[in-house]
Structure formats: structure tokens, C-alpha cells
Amino acid sequence: ARIADAVAEAVSSEAALSLAKLKKGEAVVKA
């Protein structure tokens, strides 16, 4: 959730939403 918050702050809400269905390791790489 904090990773998604960081992406939302720095990039966009839409980019943060793209992390939701990923496993944590995949979300880390994408973020």
C-alpha cells in the first residue's frame, strides 16, 4: 500500500492502481 502511495504521489493515481493486482515482488519491480 505504501508503494502504491509513493507511485500515486510521484506519477499518477492510475499508475498506482496498476500495481494493485500484482504480487509484492512484481509491484516492487514495476514501481
PDB file of all heavy atoms in Angstrom:
ATOM      1  N   ALA A   1       0.833  -1.208   0.000  1.00  0.00           N
ATOM      2  CA  ALA A   1       0.000   0.000   0.000  1.00  0.00           C
ATOM      3  C   ALA A   1       0.869   1.261   0.000  1.00  0.00           C
ATOM      4  O   ALA A   1       0.532   2.256  -0.652  1.00  0.00           O
ATOM      5  CB  ALA A   1      -0.929   0.007   1.206  1.00  0.00           C
ATOM      6  N   ARG A   2       1.987   1.235   0.704  1.00  0.00           N
ATOM      7  CA  ARG A   2       2.889   2.393   0.735  1.00  0.00           C
ATOM      8  C   ARG A   2       3.585   2.573  -0.612  1.00  0.00           C
ATOM      9  O   ARG A   2       3.846   3.687  -1.048  1.00  0.00           O
ATOM     10  CB  ARG A   2       3.908   2.245   1.864  1.00  0.00           C
ATOM     11  CG  ARG A   2       4.821   3.427   2.027  1.00  0.00           C
ATOM     12  CD  ARG A   2       4.009   4.697   2.396  1.00  0.00           C
ATOM     13  NE  ARG A   2       4.793   5.875   2.155  1.00  0.00           N
ATOM     14  CZ  ARG A   2       4.472   6.851   1.310  1.00  0.00           C
ATOM     15  NH1 ARG A   2       3.339   6.815   0.654  1.00  0.00           N
ATOM     16  NH2 ARG A   2       5.262   7.859   1.134  1.00  0.00           N
ATOM     17  N   ILE A   3       3.888   1.463  -1.266  1.00  0.00           N
ATOM     18  CA  ILE A   3       4.479   1.532  -2.608  1.00  0.00           C
ATOM     19  C   ILE A   3       3.491   2.235  -3.546  1.00  0.00           C
ATOM     20  O   ILE A   3       3.865   3.126  -4.298  1.00  0.00           O
ATOM     21  CB  ILE A   3       4.820   0.124  -3.131  1.00  0.00           C
ATOM     22  CG1 ILE A   3       5.898  -0.524  -2.269  1.00  0.00           C
ATOM     23  CG2 ILE A   3       5.251   0.182  -4.593  1.00  0.00           C
ATOM     24  CD1 ILE A   3       6.120  -2.006  -2.547  1.00  0.00           C
ATOM     25  N   ALA A   4       2.237   1.829  -3.467  1.00  0.00           N
ATOM     26  CA  ALA A   4       1.202   2.448  -4.308  1.00  0.00           C
ATOM     27  C   ALA A   4       1.048   3.931  -3.986  1.00  0.00           C
ATOM     28  O   ALA A   4       0.882   4.754  -4.893  1.00  0.00           O
ATOM     29  CB  ALA A   4      -0.125   1.720  -4.132  1.00  0.00           C
ATOM     30  N   ASP A   5       1.130   4.297  -2.710  1.00  0.00           N
ATOM     31  CA  ASP A   5       1.050   5.710  -2.326  1.00  0.00           C
ATOM     32  C   ASP A   5       2.195   6.513  -2.942  1.00  0.00           C
ATOM     33  O   ASP A   5       1.995   7.623  -3.425  1.00  0.00           O
ATOM     34  CB  ASP A   5       1.095   5.861  -0.806  1.00  0.00           C
ATOM     35  CG  ASP A   5      -0.152   5.362  -0.111  1.00  0.00           C
ATOM     36  OD1 ASP A   5      -1.187   5.166  -0.779  1.00  0.00           O
ATOM     37  OD2 ASP A   5      -0.086   5.161   1.127  1.00  0.00           O
ATOM     38  N   ALA A   6       3.386   5.945  -2.917  1.00  0.00           N
ATOM     39  CA  ALA A   6       4.553   6.626  -3.482  1.00  0.00           C
ATOM     40  C   ALA A   6       4.366   6.844  -4.986  1.00  0.00           C
ATOM     41  O   ALA A   6       4.636   7.939  -5.492  1.00  0.00           O
ATOM     42  CB  ALA A   6       5.819   5.817  -3.207  1.00  0.00           C
ATOM     43  N   VAL A   7       3.900   5.825  -5.675  1.00  0.00           N
ATOM     44  CA  VAL A   7       3.681   5.941  -7.118  1.00  0.00           C
ATOM     45  C   VAL A   7       2.567   6.953  -7.405  1.00  0.00           C
ATOM     46  O   VAL A   7       2.679   7.753  -8.331  1.00  0.00           O
ATOM     47  CB  VAL A   7       3.382   4.560  -7.742  1.00  0.00           C
ATOM     48  CG1 VAL A   7       2.921   4.686  -9.189  1.00  0.00           C
ATOM     49  CG2 VAL A   7       4.615   3.661  -7.641  1.00  0.00           C
ATOM     50  N   ALA A   8       1.524   6.945  -6.596  1.00  0.00           N
ATOM     51  CA  ALA A   8       0.440   7.917  -6.785  1.00  0.00           C
ATOM     52  C   ALA A   8       0.954   9.342  -6.616  1.00  0.00           C
ATOM     53  O   ALA A   8       0.599  10.232  -7.390  1.00  0.00           O
ATOM     54  CB  ALA A   8      -0.696   7.639  -5.804  1.00  0.00           C
ATOM     55  N   GLU A   9       1.798   9.574  -5.603  1.00  0.00           N
ATOM     56  CA  GLU A   9       2.371  10.905  -5.366  1.00  0.00           C
ATOM     57  C   GLU A   9       3.271  11.341  -6.510  1.00  0.00           C
ATOM     58  O   GLU A   9       3.221  12.482  -6.951  1.00  0.00           O
ATOM     59  CB  GLU A   9       3.228  10.901  -4.099  1.00  0.00           C
ATOM     60  CG  GLU A   9       2.505  11.085  -2.814  1.00  0.00           C
ATOM     61  CD  GLU A   9       3.480  11.124  -1.641  1.00  0.00           C
ATOM     62  OE1 GLU A   9       4.576  11.726  -1.770  1.00  0.00           O
ATOM     63  OE2 GLU A   9       3.154  10.545  -0.602  1.00  0.00           O
ATOM     64  N   ALA A  10       4.133  10.443  -6.947  1.00  0.00           N
ATOM     65  CA  ALA A  10       5.169  10.814  -7.909  1.00  0.00           C
ATOM     66  C   ALA A  10       4.735  10.735  -9.362  1.00  0.00           C
ATOM     67  O   ALA A  10       5.226  11.490 -10.195  1.00  0.00           O
ATOM     68  CB  ALA A  10       6.391   9.923  -7.710  1.00  0.00           C
ATOM     69  N   VAL A  11       3.820   9.822  -9.662  1.00  0.00           N
ATOM     70  CA  VAL A  11       3.465   9.581 -11.058  1.00  0.00           C
ATOM     71  C   VAL A  11       1.990   9.909 -11.289  1.00  0.00           C
ATOM     72  O   VAL A  11       1.670  10.937 -11.871  1.00  0.00           O
ATOM     73  CB  VAL A  11       3.779   8.124 -11.466  1.00  0.00           C
ATOM     74  CG1 VAL A  11       3.468   7.889 -12.932  1.00  0.00           C
ATOM     75  CG2 VAL A  11       5.241   7.779 -11.171  1.00  0.00           C
ATOM     76  N   SER A  12       1.093   9.029 -10.852  1.00  0.00           N
ATOM     77  CA  SER A  12      -0.345   9.270 -11.009  1.00  0.00           C
ATOM     78  C   SER A  12      -1.137   8.206 -10.260  1.00  0.00           C
ATOM     79  O   SER A  12      -0.613   7.131  -9.950  1.00  0.00           O
ATOM     80  CB  SER A  12      -0.759   9.235 -12.486  1.00  0.00           C
ATOM     81  OG  SER A  12      -0.674   7.908 -12.987  1.00  0.00           O
ATOM     82  N   SER A  13      -2.380   8.498 -10.015  1.00  0.00           N
ATOM     83  CA  SER A  13      -3.281   7.531  -9.373  1.00  0.00           C
ATOM     84  C   SER A  13      -3.476   6.311 -10.255  1.00  0.00           C
ATOM     85  O   SER A  13      -3.550   5.184  -9.767  1.00  0.00           O
ATOM     86  CB  SER A  13      -4.643   8.162  -9.095  1.00  0.00           C
ATOM     87  OG  SER A  13      -4.503   9.250  -8.231  1.00  0.00           O
ATOM     88  N   GLU A  14      -3.547   6.543 -11.559  1.00  0.00           N
ATOM     89  CA  GLU A  14      -3.734   5.432 -12.492  1.00  0.00           C
ATOM     90  C   GLU A  14      -2.540   4.477 -12.455  1.00  0.00           C
ATOM     91  O   GLU A  14      -2.709   3.258 -12.480  1.00  0.00           O
ATOM     92  CB  GLU A  14      -3.940   5.958 -13.923  1.00  0.00           C
ATOM     93  CG  GLU A  14      -5.223   6.722 -14.111  1.00  0.00           C
ATOM     94  CD  GLU A  14      -5.161   8.167 -13.603  1.00  0.00           C
ATOM     95  OE1 GLU A  14      -4.045   8.725 -13.445  1.00  0.00           O
ATOM     96  OE2 GLU A  14      -6.226   8.730 -13.322  1.00  0.00           O
ATOM     97  N   ALA A  15      -1.343   5.025 -12.387  1.00  0.00           N
ATOM     98  CA  ALA A  15      -0.142   4.190 -12.307  1.00  0.00           C
ATOM     99  C   ALA A  15      -0.140   3.388 -11.015  1.00  0.00           C
ATOM    100  O   ALA A  15       0.237   2.215 -11.001  1.00  0.00           O
ATOM    101  CB  ALA A  15       1.109   5.047 -12.411  1.00  0.00           C
ATOM    102  N   ALA A  16      -0.584   4.004  -9.926  1.00  0.00           N
ATOM    103  CA  ALA A  16      -0.652   3.306  -8.640  1.00  0.00           C
ATOM    104  C   ALA A  16      -1.665   2.171  -8.694  1.00  0.00           C
ATOM    105  O   ALA A  16      -1.424   1.084  -8.158  1.00  0.00           O
ATOM    106  CB  ALA A  16      -1.001   4.284  -7.522  1.00  0.00           C
ATOM    107  N   LEU A  17      -2.786   2.387  -9.359  1.00  0.00           N
ATOM    108  CA  LEU A  17      -3.803   1.342  -9.490  1.00  0.00           C
ATOM    109  C   LEU A  17      -3.287   0.136 -10.261  1.00  0.00           C
ATOM    110  O   LEU A  17      -3.715  -0.990 -10.027  1.00  0.00           O
ATOM    111  CB  LEU A  17      -5.060   1.899 -10.164  1.00  0.00           C
ATOM    112  CG  LEU A  17      -5.913   2.831  -9.316  1.00  0.00           C
ATOM    113  CD1 LEU A  17      -7.046   3.423 -10.156  1.00  0.00           C
ATOM    114  CD2 LEU A  17      -6.460   2.121  -8.107  1.00  0.00           C
ATOM    115  N   SER A  18      -2.348   0.378 -11.164  1.00  0.00           N
ATOM    116  CA  SER A  18      -1.804  -0.724 -11.955  1.00  0.00           C
ATOM    117  C   SER A  18      -0.997  -1.704 -11.104  1.00  0.00           C
ATOM    118  O   SER A  18      -0.725  -2.821 -11.533  1.00  0.00           O
ATOM    119  CB  SER A  18      -0.939  -0.185 -13.099  1.00  0.00           C
ATOM    120  OG  SER A  18       0.291   0.318 -12.610  1.00  0.00           O
ATOM    121  N   LEU A  19      -0.639  -1.311  -9.902  1.00  0.00           N
ATOM    122  CA  LEU A  19       0.122  -2.178  -9.002  1.00  0.00           C
ATOM    123  C   LEU A  19      -0.779  -3.092  -8.172  1.00  0.00           C
ATOM    124  O   LEU A  19      -0.316  -4.076  -7.612  1.00  0.00           O
ATOM    125  CB  LEU A  19       0.967  -1.334  -8.037  1.00  0.00           C
ATOM    126  CG  LEU A  19       1.944  -0.352  -8.646  1.00  0.00           C
ATOM    127  CD1 LEU A  19       2.602   0.473  -7.556  1.00  0.00           C
ATOM    128  CD2 LEU A  19       2.984  -1.065  -9.476  1.00  0.00           C
ATOM    129  N   ALA A  20      -2.064  -2.779  -8.102  1.00  0.00           N
ATOM    130  CA  ALA A  20      -2.984  -3.455  -7.192  1.00  0.00           C
ATOM    131  C   ALA A  20      -3.048  -4.965  -7.359  1.00  0.00           C
ATOM    132  O   ALA A  20      -3.078  -5.698  -6.380  1.00  0.00           O
ATOM    133  CB  ALA A  20      -4.383  -2.854  -7.322  1.00  0.00           C
ATOM    134  N   LYS A  21      -3.070  -5.450  -8.580  1.00  0.00           N
ATOM    135  CA  LYS A  21      -3.242  -6.886  -8.803  1.00  0.00           C
ATOM    136  C   LYS A  21      -1.926  -7.650  -8.850  1.00  0.00           C
ATOM    137  O   LYS A  21      -1.926  -8.865  -8.978  1.00  0.00           O
ATOM    138  CB  LYS A  21      -4.033  -7.123 -10.089  1.00  0.00           C
ATOM    139  CG  LYS A  21      -5.462  -6.641  -9.972  1.00  0.00           C
ATOM    140  CD  LYS A  21      -6.269  -6.959 -11.196  1.00  0.00           C
ATOM    141  CE  LYS A  21      -7.697  -6.455 -11.009  1.00  0.00           C
ATOM    142  NZ  LYS A  21      -8.536  -6.748 -12.139  1.00  0.00           N
ATOM    143  N   LEU A  22      -0.816  -6.937  -8.744  1.00  0.00           N
ATOM    144  CA  LEU A  22       0.487  -7.588  -8.797  1.00  0.00           C
ATOM    145  C   LEU A  22       0.882  -8.147  -7.434  1.00  0.00           C
ATOM    146  O   LEU A  22       0.466  -7.619  -6.410  1.00  0.00           O
ATOM    147  CB  LEU A  22       1.558  -6.584  -9.242  1.00  0.00           C
ATOM    148  CG  LEU A  22       1.376  -5.935 -10.610  1.00  0.00           C
ATOM    149  CD1 LEU A  22       2.483  -4.918 -10.846  1.00  0.00           C
ATOM    150  CD2 LEU A  22       1.360  -6.977 -11.706  1.00  0.00           C
ATOM    151  N   LYS A  23       1.686  -9.183  -7.441  1.00  0.00           N
ATOM    152  CA  LYS A  23       2.280  -9.667  -6.198  1.00  0.00           C
ATOM    153  C   LYS A  23       3.311  -8.636  -5.775  1.00  0.00           C
ATOM    154  O   LYS A  23       3.776  -7.832  -6.589  1.00  0.00           O
ATOM    155  CB  LYS A  23       2.939 -11.020  -6.415  1.00  0.00           C
ATOM    156  CG  LYS A  23       1.930 -12.109  -6.695  1.00  0.00           C
ATOM    157  CD  LYS A  23       2.597 -13.453  -6.778  1.00  0.00           C
ATOM    158  CE  LYS A  23       1.524 -14.512  -7.013  1.00  0.00           C
ATOM    159  NZ  LYS A  23       2.033 -15.853  -6.900  1.00  0.00           N
ATOM    160  N   LYS A  24       3.680  -8.650  -4.489  1.00  0.00           N
ATOM    161  CA  LYS A  24       4.557  -7.602  -3.975  1.00  0.00           C
ATOM    162  C   LYS A  24       5.864  -7.511  -4.761  1.00  0.00           C
ATOM    163  O   LYS A  24       6.294  -6.423  -5.119  1.00  0.00           O
ATOM    164  CB  LYS A  24       4.860  -7.791  -2.496  1.00  0.00           C
ATOM    165  CG  LYS A  24       5.785  -6.679  -2.014  1.00  0.00           C
ATOM    166  CD  LYS A  24       5.803  -6.475  -0.568  1.00  0.00           C
ATOM    167  CE  LYS A  24       6.754  -5.319  -0.257  1.00  0.00           C
ATOM    168  NZ  LYS A  24       7.047  -5.227   1.111  1.00  0.00           N
ATOM    169  N   GLY A  25       6.503  -8.625  -5.026  1.00  0.00           N
ATOM    170  CA  GLY A  25       7.769  -8.586  -5.757  1.00  0.00           C
ATOM    171  C   GLY A  25       7.631  -7.949  -7.125  1.00  0.00           C
ATOM    172  O   GLY A  25       8.487  -7.165  -7.560  1.00  0.00           O
ATOM    173  N   GLU A  26       6.542  -8.261  -7.809  1.00  0.00           N
ATOM    174  CA  GLU A  26       6.280  -7.666  -9.123  1.00  0.00           C
ATOM    175  C   GLU A  26       5.982  -6.178  -8.992  1.00  0.00           C
ATOM    176  O   GLU A  26       6.400  -5.370  -9.821  1.00  0.00           O
ATOM    177  CB  GLU A  26       5.107  -8.371  -9.791  1.00  0.00           C
ATOM    178  CG  GLU A  26       5.361  -9.834 -10.103  1.00  0.00           C
ATOM    179  CD  GLU A  26       4.094 -10.586 -10.468  1.00  0.00           C
ATOM    180  OE1 GLU A  26       2.997 -10.224  -9.993  1.00  0.00           O
ATOM    181  OE2 GLU A  26       4.213 -11.553 -11.237  1.00  0.00           O
ATOM    182  N   ALA A  27       5.246  -5.817  -7.932  1.00  0.00           N
ATOM    183  CA  ALA A  27       4.922  -4.407  -7.692  1.00  0.00           C
ATOM    184  C   ALA A  27       6.188  -3.606  -7.406  1.00  0.00           C
ATOM    185  O   ALA A  27       6.318  -2.467  -7.858  1.00  0.00           O
ATOM    186  CB  ALA A  27       3.933  -4.278  -6.538  1.00  0.00           C
ATOM    187  N   VAL A  28       7.119  -4.192  -6.670  1.00  0.00           N
ATOM    188  CA  VAL A  28       8.386  -3.518  -6.368  1.00  0.00           C
ATOM    189  C   VAL A  28       9.137  -3.219  -7.665  1.00  0.00           C
ATOM    190  O   VAL A  28       9.604  -2.099  -7.883  1.00  0.00           O
ATOM    191  CB  VAL A  28       9.251  -4.370  -5.408  1.00  0.00           C
ATOM    192  CG1 VAL A  28      10.678  -3.862  -5.354  1.00  0.00           C
ATOM    193  CG2 VAL A  28       8.642  -4.394  -4.014  1.00  0.00           C
ATOM    194  N   VAL A  29       9.236  -4.204  -8.534  1.00  0.00           N
ATOM    195  CA  VAL A  29       9.952  -4.020  -9.801  1.00  0.00           C
ATOM    196  C   VAL A  29       9.274  -2.958 -10.661  1.00  0.00           C
ATOM    197  O   VAL A  29       9.931  -2.058 -11.208  1.00  0.00           O
ATOM    198  CB  VAL A  29      10.067  -5.362 -10.561  1.00  0.00           C
ATOM    199  CG1 VAL A  29      10.611  -5.158 -11.960  1.00  0.00           C
ATOM    200  CG2 VAL A  29      10.925  -6.342  -9.777  1.00  0.00           C
ATOM    201  N   LYS A  30       7.957  -3.039 -10.784  1.00  0.00           N
ATOM    202  CA  LYS A  30       7.234  -2.063 -11.613  1.00  0.00           C
ATOM    203  C   LYS A  30       7.333  -0.664 -11.014  1.00  0.00           C
ATOM    204  O   LYS A  30       7.558   0.315 -11.732  1.00  0.00           O
ATOM    205  CB  LYS A  30       5.769  -2.466 -11.768  1.00  0.00           C
ATOM    206  CG  LYS A  30       5.018  -1.539 -12.705  1.00  0.00           C
ATOM    207  CD  LYS A  30       3.710  -2.084 -13.159  1.00  0.00           C
ATOM    208  CE  LYS A  30       3.081  -1.137 -14.163  1.00  0.00           C
ATOM    209  NZ  LYS A  30       1.840  -1.644 -14.688  1.00  0.00           N
ATOM    210  N   ALA A  31       7.174  -0.559  -9.689  1.00  0.00           N
ATOM    211  CA  ALA A  31       7.241   0.748  -9.030  1.00  0.00           C
ATOM    212  C   ALA A  31       8.630   1.363  -9.175  1.00  0.00           C
ATOM    213  O   ALA A  31       8.752   2.575  -9.369  1.00  0.00           O
ATOM    214  CB  ALA A  31       6.871   0.616  -7.557  1.00  0.00           C
TER     215      ALA A  31
END
